[in-house]
Amino acid sequence: MIFVAKQVLGLVKMKLLKRCPLVIMLAVSTLVLTLTAHANREGRYREYQKRQNMTPMLSAVFEGAKDGVFPWSREDDTLLTMADAAPEEGAAGEEGPQGGEESISEKPPSGNDTDAAAPKEDDADGEGEGEEQTGEGGNTESEPFPEAEETAVSESGSGAKEEGTEQAGGTEPVTGEMPSGQGVEEENGAPWTEEAWNEDLTYDYVPVDETYLDDALFIGDSRTQGLFEYGGLEDHAVFYCKTSLTIYDLFKNDLAFIKTNSGNQTLTQALSERQFGKIYLMLGINEMGTGTPESFFTEYAKAVLKIRELQPNAILFVQGIMHVATQKNAADPIFNNFNIDVRNVEIQTLENKRDIFYLDVNEVVCDENGNLFDDWTFDQVHLKGKYYQIWKDFLLQHGIVRTQG
């Protein structure tokens, strides 16, 4: 009898499924999404519940989707989670394999085997040697990386380069003592503090001029050095960049890549001495052949948290990794745009539109297929000199001006 009942029930289900498949799928999907929202009511949907007291819970899912928050997205407290897992400075968590050929004076301390089994590839900064870079006015200049000086530090708003130093042609960029001073001055002259702005506010991009970058810092590898060399921002922003720099190396105690009149400094030392209003971070191309997207993002999130701790009042712009050109994308199993986008998706999850913002310059430097314009690059990876103006203009179209709440 029970067997017969089960058979009849099965037939009824099959008939119902054949007659109303969309209704059943919609019902099941609604149930799954409702349960997901309920399970995350104190997680990624917490703010939607607080602000709008959503009923039913399914509404929170759709409101979140409008903002790019999906059930599978990382929660807003990703950085805090990473902070709990991060070891003390100098411990194994701050060590990591390098993605490039950069030689360090000392071997990395032992104890970190996170990526020990990962295949290592040549970093992208090491490619294109011997090719020419087209600079401003269509002239060809010697490609500044990797043959160029590996570090760059500029004075913000100085209006002049330090005597005896040259800007281009592979010689050492401007170096000098960083001005002292605490706090970041806004247009009204009032210094920003953590209490001076409303943490519940979010901000949209607005066009700005170059003076907006007078209190800005750029951190990155040879691509950022190219922006320093050819972007025309050396009189406004400060640049801490180094050929072949990776997220794994960024806060190493033995990597003093920032040159000043008083001697070389680590990034921790430099960020502890001066406060900036905006910080732009672009790293990731040299790390492509090391570890996994997950291990890369773990280190990236730790670095962002460290910068936030040292620069609590700065607006932080995490920049998506710039794509590569058509040939490299098609032929390289490591340095291709699919792998880049996987990492960019992770980087974007750090954005909160309050003090951390995601910028993707690929919107203006890539063709309809998402490849870096072939005639804009000399080595499939780096921009030619005159096209760094496109990157700069993109940044100036995406300024953030916070209002005091």
Protein backbone atom coordinates (compact mmCIF):
# COMPACT_ATOMS: atom_id res chain seq x y z
CA MET A 1 0.00 0.00 0.00
CA ILE A 2 2.76 2.40 0.93
CA PHE A 3 4.56 1.49 -2.25
CA VAL A 4 1.50 2.29 -4.34
CA ALA A 5 1.04 5.62 -2.54
CA LYS A 6 4.63 6.58 -3.24
CA GLN A 7 4.23 5.70 -6.90
CA VAL A 8 1.04 7.78 -7.19
CA LEU A 9 2.70 10.73 -5.42
CA GLY A 10 5.67 10.46 -7.78
CA LEU A 11 3.40 10.54 -10.81
CA VAL A 12 1.57 13.58 -9.47
CA LYS A 13 4.89 15.37 -8.94
CA MET A 14 6.07 14.53 -12.43
CA LYS A 15 2.83 15.74 -14.01
CA LEU A 16 2.92 18.94 -11.97
CA LEU A 17 6.55 19.50 -12.91
CA LYS A 18 5.78 19.02 -16.60
CA ARG A 19 2.74 21.28 -16.50
CA CYS A 20 4.16 24.08 -14.33
CA PRO A 21 7.98 23.92 -14.40
CA LEU A 22 8.46 27.68 -14.18
CA VAL A 23 6.11 28.02 -11.23
CA ILE A 24 7.90 25.29 -9.35
CA MET A 25 11.35 26.69 -10.17
CA LEU A 26 10.21 30.16 -9.09
CA ALA A 27 8.86 28.79 -5.82
CA VAL A 28 12.03 26.87 -5.10
CA SER A 29 14.22 29.87 -5.99
CA THR A 30 12.14 32.15 -3.78
CA LEU A 31 12.46 29.73 -0.90
CA VAL A 32 16.24 29.39 -1.34
CA LEU A 33 16.79 33.15 -1.55
CA THR A 34 14.57 33.78 1.46
CA LEU A 35 16.47 31.24 3.52
CA THR A 36 19.77 32.73 2.33
CA ALA A 37 18.71 36.24 3.32
CA HIS A 38 17.49 34.99 6.70
CA ALA A 39 20.76 33.15 7.31
CA ASN A 40 22.73 36.31 6.52
CA ARG A 41 20.48 38.82 8.26
CA GLU A 42 23.37 39.62 10.62
CA GLY A 43 25.93 39.41 7.82
CA ARG A 44 25.89 40.88 4.33
CA TYR A 45 22.20 41.89 4.60
CA ARG A 46 22.54 43.48 8.02
CA GLU A 47 22.62 47.06 6.70
CA TYR A 48 19.55 46.51 4.51
CA GLN A 49 17.58 45.24 7.46
CA LYS A 50 18.75 48.12 9.65
CA ARG A 51 18.01 50.88 7.16
CA GLN A 52 14.79 49.63 5.65
CA ASN A 53 13.44 46.96 8.02
CA MET A 54 12.81 44.74 5.00
CA THR A 55 9.78 42.45 5.08
CA PRO A 56 9.76 39.88 3.64
CA MET A 57 13.41 38.93 3.87
CA LEU A 58 13.46 38.31 0.12
CA SER A 59 13.37 42.08 -0.41
CA ALA A 60 16.84 42.38 1.14
CA VAL A 61 18.20 40.02 -1.50
CA PHE A 62 16.88 42.15 -4.35
CA GLU A 63 17.98 45.42 -2.74
CA GLY A 64 21.42 43.94 -2.23
CA ALA A 65 21.58 42.78 -5.84
CA LYS A 66 20.98 46.37 -6.97
CA ASP A 67 24.12 47.36 -5.06
CA GLY A 68 26.14 44.42 -6.34
CA VAL A 69 25.73 42.40 -3.11
CA PHE A 70 24.82 38.81 -3.93
CA PRO A 71 24.32 35.76 -1.68
CA TRP A 72 27.76 34.50 -2.72
CA SER A 73 29.49 37.85 -2.19
CA ARG A 74 32.03 38.36 0.56
CA GLU A 75 30.70 40.15 3.60
CA ASP A 76 31.55 43.76 4.45
CA ASP A 77 33.65 42.62 7.38
CA THR A 78 36.16 40.84 5.10
CA LEU A 79 38.97 43.11 6.28
CA LEU A 80 38.23 42.38 9.92
CA THR A 81 38.26 38.68 9.19
CA MET A 82 41.61 39.06 7.47
CA ALA A 83 42.88 41.13 10.39
CA ASP A 84 42.11 38.36 12.85
CA ALA A 85 44.11 35.95 10.69
CA ALA A 86 47.02 38.31 10.06
CA PRO A 87 50.18 37.69 12.12
CA GLU A 88 52.28 40.38 13.71
CA GLU A 89 54.55 42.45 11.48
CA GLY A 90 57.63 40.52 10.53
CA ALA A 91 55.97 37.16 11.12
CA ALA A 92 55.38 34.55 8.46
CA GLY A 93 52.17 36.14 7.19
CA GLU A 94 54.06 39.17 5.93
CA GLU A 95 56.43 37.04 3.98
CA GLY A 96 55.61 35.75 0.56
CA PRO A 97 57.17 34.53 -2.61
CA GLN A 98 58.05 37.15 -5.13
CA GLY A 99 56.34 37.19 -8.47
CA GLY A 100 59.34 38.55 -10.32
CA GLU A 101 63.06 38.52 -10.83
CA GLU A 102 63.75 41.34 -8.39
CA SER A 103 66.75 40.54 -6.23
CA ILE A 104 66.51 41.31 -2.51
CA SER A 105 69.60 41.87 -0.41
CA GLU A 106 68.51 39.29 2.13
CA LYS A 107 66.58 36.08 1.74
CA PRO A 108 63.02 36.16 3.04
CA PRO A 109 62.77 34.82 6.60
CA SER A 110 61.83 31.20 6.79
CA GLY A 111 58.57 29.90 8.12
CA ASN A 112 56.04 30.68 5.39
CA ASP A 113 55.21 27.83 3.06
CA THR A 114 51.81 29.10 1.91
CA ASP A 115 52.84 29.20 -1.74
CA ALA A 116 55.84 26.91 -1.58
CA ALA A 117 54.32 24.47 -4.06
CA ALA A 118 52.99 27.15 -6.41
CA PRO A 119 54.60 27.41 -9.86
CA LYS A 120 56.69 30.51 -10.36
CA GLU A 121 56.68 32.45 -13.59
CA ASP A 122 58.61 35.48 -14.74
CA ASP A 123 56.81 38.60 -13.65
CA ALA A 124 55.23 40.90 -16.18
CA ASP A 125 57.55 43.77 -15.25
CA GLY A 126 60.49 41.77 -16.56
CA GLU A 127 59.20 41.62 -20.10
CA GLY A 128 59.74 43.91 -23.05
CA GLU A 129 63.43 44.58 -22.50
CA GLY A 130 65.14 46.18 -25.47
CA GLU A 131 61.90 47.59 -26.90
CA GLU A 132 61.22 51.26 -27.22
CA GLN A 133 58.61 53.29 -25.44
CA THR A 134 56.85 56.08 -27.24
CA GLY A 135 56.73 59.18 -25.10
CA GLU A 136 55.02 62.52 -25.37
CA GLY A 137 54.99 64.10 -28.79
CA GLY A 138 55.48 60.79 -30.56
CA ASN A 139 59.19 60.56 -29.75
CA THR A 140 60.62 57.20 -28.85
CA GLU A 141 62.39 56.90 -25.53
CA SER A 142 64.19 54.08 -23.86
CA GLU A 143 61.71 51.87 -22.09
CA PRO A 144 61.96 52.90 -18.41
CA PHE A 145 61.19 49.56 -16.89
CA PRO A 146 62.66 47.21 -16.02
CA GLU A 147 65.89 48.90 -17.09
CA ALA A 148 64.99 52.11 -15.29
CA GLU A 149 65.70 52.93 -11.67
CA GLU A 150 63.51 50.63 -9.68
CA THR A 151 62.07 53.08 -7.17
CA ALA A 152 60.36 56.42 -7.43
CA VAL A 153 59.46 58.98 -4.79
CA SER A 154 58.22 62.44 -5.72
CA GLU A 155 57.59 65.48 -3.57
CA SER A 156 53.95 66.49 -3.43
CA GLY A 157 53.30 70.01 -4.67
CA SER A 158 56.98 70.90 -4.72
CA GLY A 159 56.77 72.44 -8.19
CA ALA A 160 60.40 71.54 -8.92
CA LYS A 161 62.65 68.54 -9.02
CA GLU A 162 65.52 68.07 -6.65
CA GLU A 163 68.76 69.51 -8.00
CA GLY A 164 70.91 66.99 -9.81
CA THR A 165 68.13 64.44 -10.40
CA GLU A 166 66.53 63.62 -13.72
CA GLN A 167 63.04 62.45 -14.46
CA ALA A 168 63.21 60.17 -17.46
CA GLY A 169 65.60 58.14 -19.54
CA GLY A 170 66.18 55.40 -16.96
CA THR A 171 67.83 57.60 -14.32
CA GLU A 172 66.71 57.90 -10.77
CA PRO A 173 63.40 59.78 -10.35
CA VAL A 174 63.00 62.60 -7.89
CA THR A 175 63.89 61.71 -4.35
CA GLY A 176 63.92 63.80 -1.26
CA GLU A 177 62.90 64.25 2.33
CA MET A 178 59.18 63.87 2.76
CA PRO A 179 57.53 66.94 4.31
CA SER A 180 56.38 66.40 7.83
CA GLY A 181 52.94 67.23 9.15
CA GLN A 182 49.98 65.41 10.59
CA GLY A 183 46.43 65.51 9.34
CA VAL A 184 44.97 66.14 5.92
CA GLU A 185 43.67 69.60 5.07
CA GLU A 186 40.43 69.91 3.12
CA GLU A 187 39.34 72.97 1.16
CA ASN A 188 37.76 74.55 4.22
CA GLY A 189 41.03 74.18 6.12
CA ALA A 190 39.59 71.73 8.66
CA PRO A 191 41.59 68.53 9.16
CA TRP A 192 39.76 65.30 8.65
CA THR A 193 39.35 63.01 11.61
CA GLU A 194 37.57 59.71 11.91
CA GLU A 195 34.76 61.49 13.75
CA ALA A 196 34.49 64.30 11.19
CA TRP A 197 32.49 62.36 8.61
CA ASN A 198 29.42 60.23 8.80
CA GLU A 199 30.27 56.55 8.38
CA ASP A 200 26.75 55.82 7.13
CA LEU A 201 27.20 58.07 4.09
CA THR A 202 28.34 56.74 0.75
CA TYR A 203 29.87 58.88 -1.96
CA ASP A 204 29.72 59.11 -5.74
CA TYR A 205 32.51 60.04 -8.12
CA VAL A 206 32.92 63.65 -9.22
CA PRO A 207 35.34 65.26 -11.71
CA VAL A 208 38.34 66.98 -10.10
CA ASP A 209 41.46 68.79 -11.28
CA GLU A 210 45.09 67.92 -10.68
CA THR A 211 45.25 69.88 -7.42
CA TYR A 212 42.97 67.20 -5.98
CA LEU A 213 46.06 64.97 -5.97
CA ASP A 214 48.22 67.37 -3.95
CA ASP A 215 47.78 65.12 -0.91
CA ALA A 216 47.73 61.83 -2.83
CA LEU A 217 50.04 58.83 -2.71
CA PHE A 218 50.42 56.20 -5.45
CA ILE A 219 51.72 52.76 -4.51
CA GLY A 220 52.53 50.19 -7.18
CA ASP A 221 54.90 48.41 -9.52
CA SER A 222 56.37 49.44 -12.89
CA ARG A 223 52.98 50.39 -14.29
CA THR A 224 52.59 52.97 -11.51
CA GLN A 225 56.15 54.05 -12.15
CA GLY A 226 55.09 54.68 -15.75
CA LEU A 227 52.33 56.94 -14.45
CA PHE A 228 54.98 58.79 -12.44
CA GLU A 229 57.29 59.08 -15.44
CA TYR A 230 54.72 60.16 -18.02
CA GLY A 231 51.53 61.19 -16.20
CA GLY A 232 52.68 64.72 -15.36
CA LEU A 233 51.74 64.35 -11.70
CA GLU A 234 55.20 64.60 -10.13
CA ASP A 235 54.47 68.12 -8.88
CA HIS A 236 51.27 67.02 -7.15
CA ALA A 237 51.34 63.45 -5.90
CA VAL A 238 53.87 61.27 -4.10
CA PHE A 239 54.85 57.94 -5.69
CA TYR A 240 56.14 54.90 -3.80
CA CYS A 241 56.72 52.44 -6.63
CA LYS A 242 59.23 49.78 -7.55
CA THR A 243 59.72 47.58 -10.57
CA SER A 244 58.53 44.01 -9.86
CA LEU A 245 56.94 45.03 -6.55
CA THR A 246 54.31 42.53 -5.37
CA ILE A 247 51.67 42.48 -2.68
CA TYR A 248 53.74 39.81 -0.91
CA ASP A 249 56.72 42.17 -0.61
CA LEU A 250 54.88 45.38 0.20
CA PHE A 251 55.37 45.43 3.96
CA LYS A 252 58.52 43.33 4.26
CA ASN A 253 60.82 44.66 6.95
CA ASP A 254 63.90 44.20 4.78
CA LEU A 255 62.48 45.92 1.69
CA ALA A 256 63.40 49.59 2.13
CA PHE A 257 62.51 50.71 -1.40
CA ILE A 258 61.52 54.30 -0.60
CA LYS A 259 64.48 56.65 -0.96
CA THR A 260 64.72 59.91 0.99
CA ASN A 261 67.55 62.29 1.85
CA SER A 262 67.79 60.66 5.27
CA GLY A 263 68.10 57.16 3.81
CA ASN A 264 65.95 54.33 2.57
CA GLN A 265 62.68 53.52 4.29
CA THR A 266 60.22 50.67 4.35
CA LEU A 267 56.62 51.37 3.46
CA THR A 268 55.64 51.03 7.11
CA GLN A 269 58.15 53.70 8.10
CA ALA A 270 57.11 56.06 5.31
CA LEU A 271 53.39 55.74 6.02
CA SER A 272 54.01 56.28 9.73
CA GLU A 273 55.75 59.63 9.14
CA ARG A 274 53.24 61.38 6.92
CA GLN A 275 49.47 61.32 6.52
CA PHE A 276 47.88 61.44 3.05
CA GLY A 277 44.41 62.42 1.91
CA LYS A 278 44.14 59.83 -0.87
CA ILE A 279 46.03 56.63 -1.54
CA TYR A 280 45.94 54.78 -4.87
CA LEU A 281 47.04 51.14 -4.90
CA MET A 282 47.69 49.05 -8.01
CA LEU A 283 49.44 45.72 -7.64
CA GLY A 284 48.76 42.25 -8.98
CA ILE A 285 50.26 41.70 -12.43
CA ASN A 286 53.57 40.33 -11.08
CA GLU A 287 51.77 37.98 -8.69
CA MET A 288 49.93 36.12 -11.46
CA GLY A 289 52.37 33.20 -11.52
CA THR A 290 52.47 32.79 -7.75
CA GLY A 291 49.92 31.08 -5.53
CA THR A 292 46.20 31.21 -6.21
CA PRO A 293 43.61 33.99 -6.55
CA GLU A 294 42.56 33.21 -2.98
CA SER A 295 46.07 33.45 -1.52
CA PHE A 296 46.65 36.65 -3.52
CA PHE A 297 43.47 38.22 -2.17
CA THR A 298 44.31 37.22 1.39
CA GLU A 299 47.61 39.11 1.17
CA TYR A 300 45.96 41.99 -0.68
CA ALA A 301 43.32 42.39 2.03
CA LYS A 302 45.98 42.28 4.74
CA ALA A 303 47.89 45.03 2.94
CA VAL A 304 44.77 47.19 2.63
CA LEU A 305 44.07 46.74 6.32
CA LYS A 306 47.66 47.68 7.16
CA ILE A 307 47.42 50.83 5.04
CA ARG A 308 44.14 51.69 6.71
CA GLU A 309 45.73 51.31 10.16
CA LEU A 310 48.64 53.59 9.23
CA GLN A 311 46.48 56.07 7.29
CA PRO A 312 43.11 56.10 9.09
CA ASN A 313 41.83 59.31 7.48
CA ALA A 314 42.82 58.69 3.87
CA ILE A 315 40.45 57.80 1.06
CA LEU A 316 41.77 54.53 -0.34
CA PHE A 317 41.39 53.69 -4.03
CA VAL A 318 42.04 50.04 -4.84
CA GLN A 319 42.64 49.85 -8.59
CA GLY A 320 41.81 46.85 -10.71
CA ILE A 321 44.80 45.20 -12.37
CA MET A 322 45.28 46.57 -15.88
CA HIS A 323 44.68 44.04 -18.67
CA VAL A 324 47.24 42.80 -21.19
CA ALA A 325 47.04 43.10 -24.98
CA THR A 326 45.56 40.66 -27.48
CA GLN A 327 48.55 38.46 -28.29
CA LYS A 328 49.61 37.96 -24.70
CA ASN A 329 46.06 37.33 -23.59
CA ALA A 330 45.65 34.60 -26.22
CA ALA A 331 49.02 32.90 -25.80
CA ASP A 332 49.98 33.20 -22.14
CA PRO A 333 48.39 30.62 -19.79
CA ILE A 334 49.23 32.76 -16.74
CA PHE A 335 49.28 36.44 -17.70
CA ASN A 336 45.90 36.64 -19.40
CA ASN A 337 42.82 38.75 -18.87
CA PHE A 338 40.68 35.96 -17.49
CA ASN A 339 43.12 35.42 -14.65
CA ILE A 340 43.36 39.17 -14.15
CA ASP A 341 39.58 39.52 -13.94
CA VAL A 342 39.32 36.73 -11.38
CA ARG A 343 41.59 38.76 -9.11
CA ASN A 344 39.86 42.03 -9.92
CA VAL A 345 36.53 40.60 -8.80
CA GLU A 346 38.13 39.83 -5.45
CA ILE A 347 39.70 43.28 -5.17
CA GLN A 348 36.36 44.95 -5.86
CA THR A 349 34.80 43.25 -2.84
CA LEU A 350 36.88 45.54 -0.62
CA GLU A 351 34.94 48.60 -1.81
CA ASN A 352 32.52 50.12 0.70
CA LYS A 353 31.94 53.48 -1.07
CA ARG A 354 32.73 55.30 2.16
CA ASP A 355 36.50 55.29 2.50
CA ILE A 356 37.49 52.48 0.11
CA PHE A 357 36.66 52.75 -3.60
CA TYR A 358 37.33 50.46 -6.55
CA LEU A 359 38.62 51.95 -9.81
CA ASP A 360 39.02 49.94 -13.02
CA VAL A 361 41.11 51.77 -15.62
CA ASN A 362 40.40 48.93 -18.07
CA GLU A 363 37.22 50.85 -18.91
CA VAL A 364 39.27 53.34 -20.93
CA VAL A 365 42.41 51.48 -22.05
CA CYS A 366 40.87 48.32 -23.53
CA ASP A 367 39.12 47.44 -26.79
CA GLU A 368 35.66 45.91 -27.17
CA ASN A 369 37.10 42.47 -26.36
CA GLY A 370 38.62 43.63 -23.10
CA ASN A 371 42.20 43.55 -24.34
CA LEU A 372 44.66 46.39 -23.82
CA PHE A 373 44.72 48.39 -27.06
CA ASP A 374 47.47 46.80 -29.15
CA ASP A 375 48.87 50.09 -30.43
CA TRP A 376 48.89 51.59 -26.93
CA THR A 377 51.50 49.17 -25.60
CA PHE A 378 55.09 48.38 -26.56
CA ASP A 379 55.33 45.01 -24.83
CA GLN A 380 51.72 43.79 -24.46
CA VAL A 381 51.81 44.76 -20.75
CA HIS A 382 52.86 48.39 -20.23
CA LEU A 383 51.38 51.50 -21.79
CA LYS A 384 53.36 53.67 -24.15
CA GLY A 385 54.35 56.96 -22.57
CA LYS A 386 51.70 59.23 -24.07
CA TYR A 387 48.83 56.97 -23.06
CA TYR A 388 49.45 57.41 -19.36
CA GLN A 389 47.51 60.64 -19.82
CA ILE A 390 44.42 58.48 -20.40
CA TRP A 391 44.95 56.80 -17.04
CA LYS A 392 45.47 60.15 -15.34
CA ASP A 393 42.33 61.63 -16.91
CA PHE A 394 40.36 58.58 -15.78
CA LEU A 395 41.48 59.14 -12.21
CA LEU A 396 40.55 62.83 -12.39
CA GLN A 397 37.05 61.87 -13.53
CA HIS A 398 36.68 59.71 -10.44
CA GLY A 399 37.38 61.93 -7.48
CA ILE A 400 35.69 61.52 -4.11
CA VAL A 401 34.85 64.61 -2.07
CA ARG A 402 33.61 63.75 1.39
CA THR A 403 31.34 66.11 3.26
CA GLN A 404 31.43 66.40 7.01
CA GLY A 405 28.36 64.85 8.62
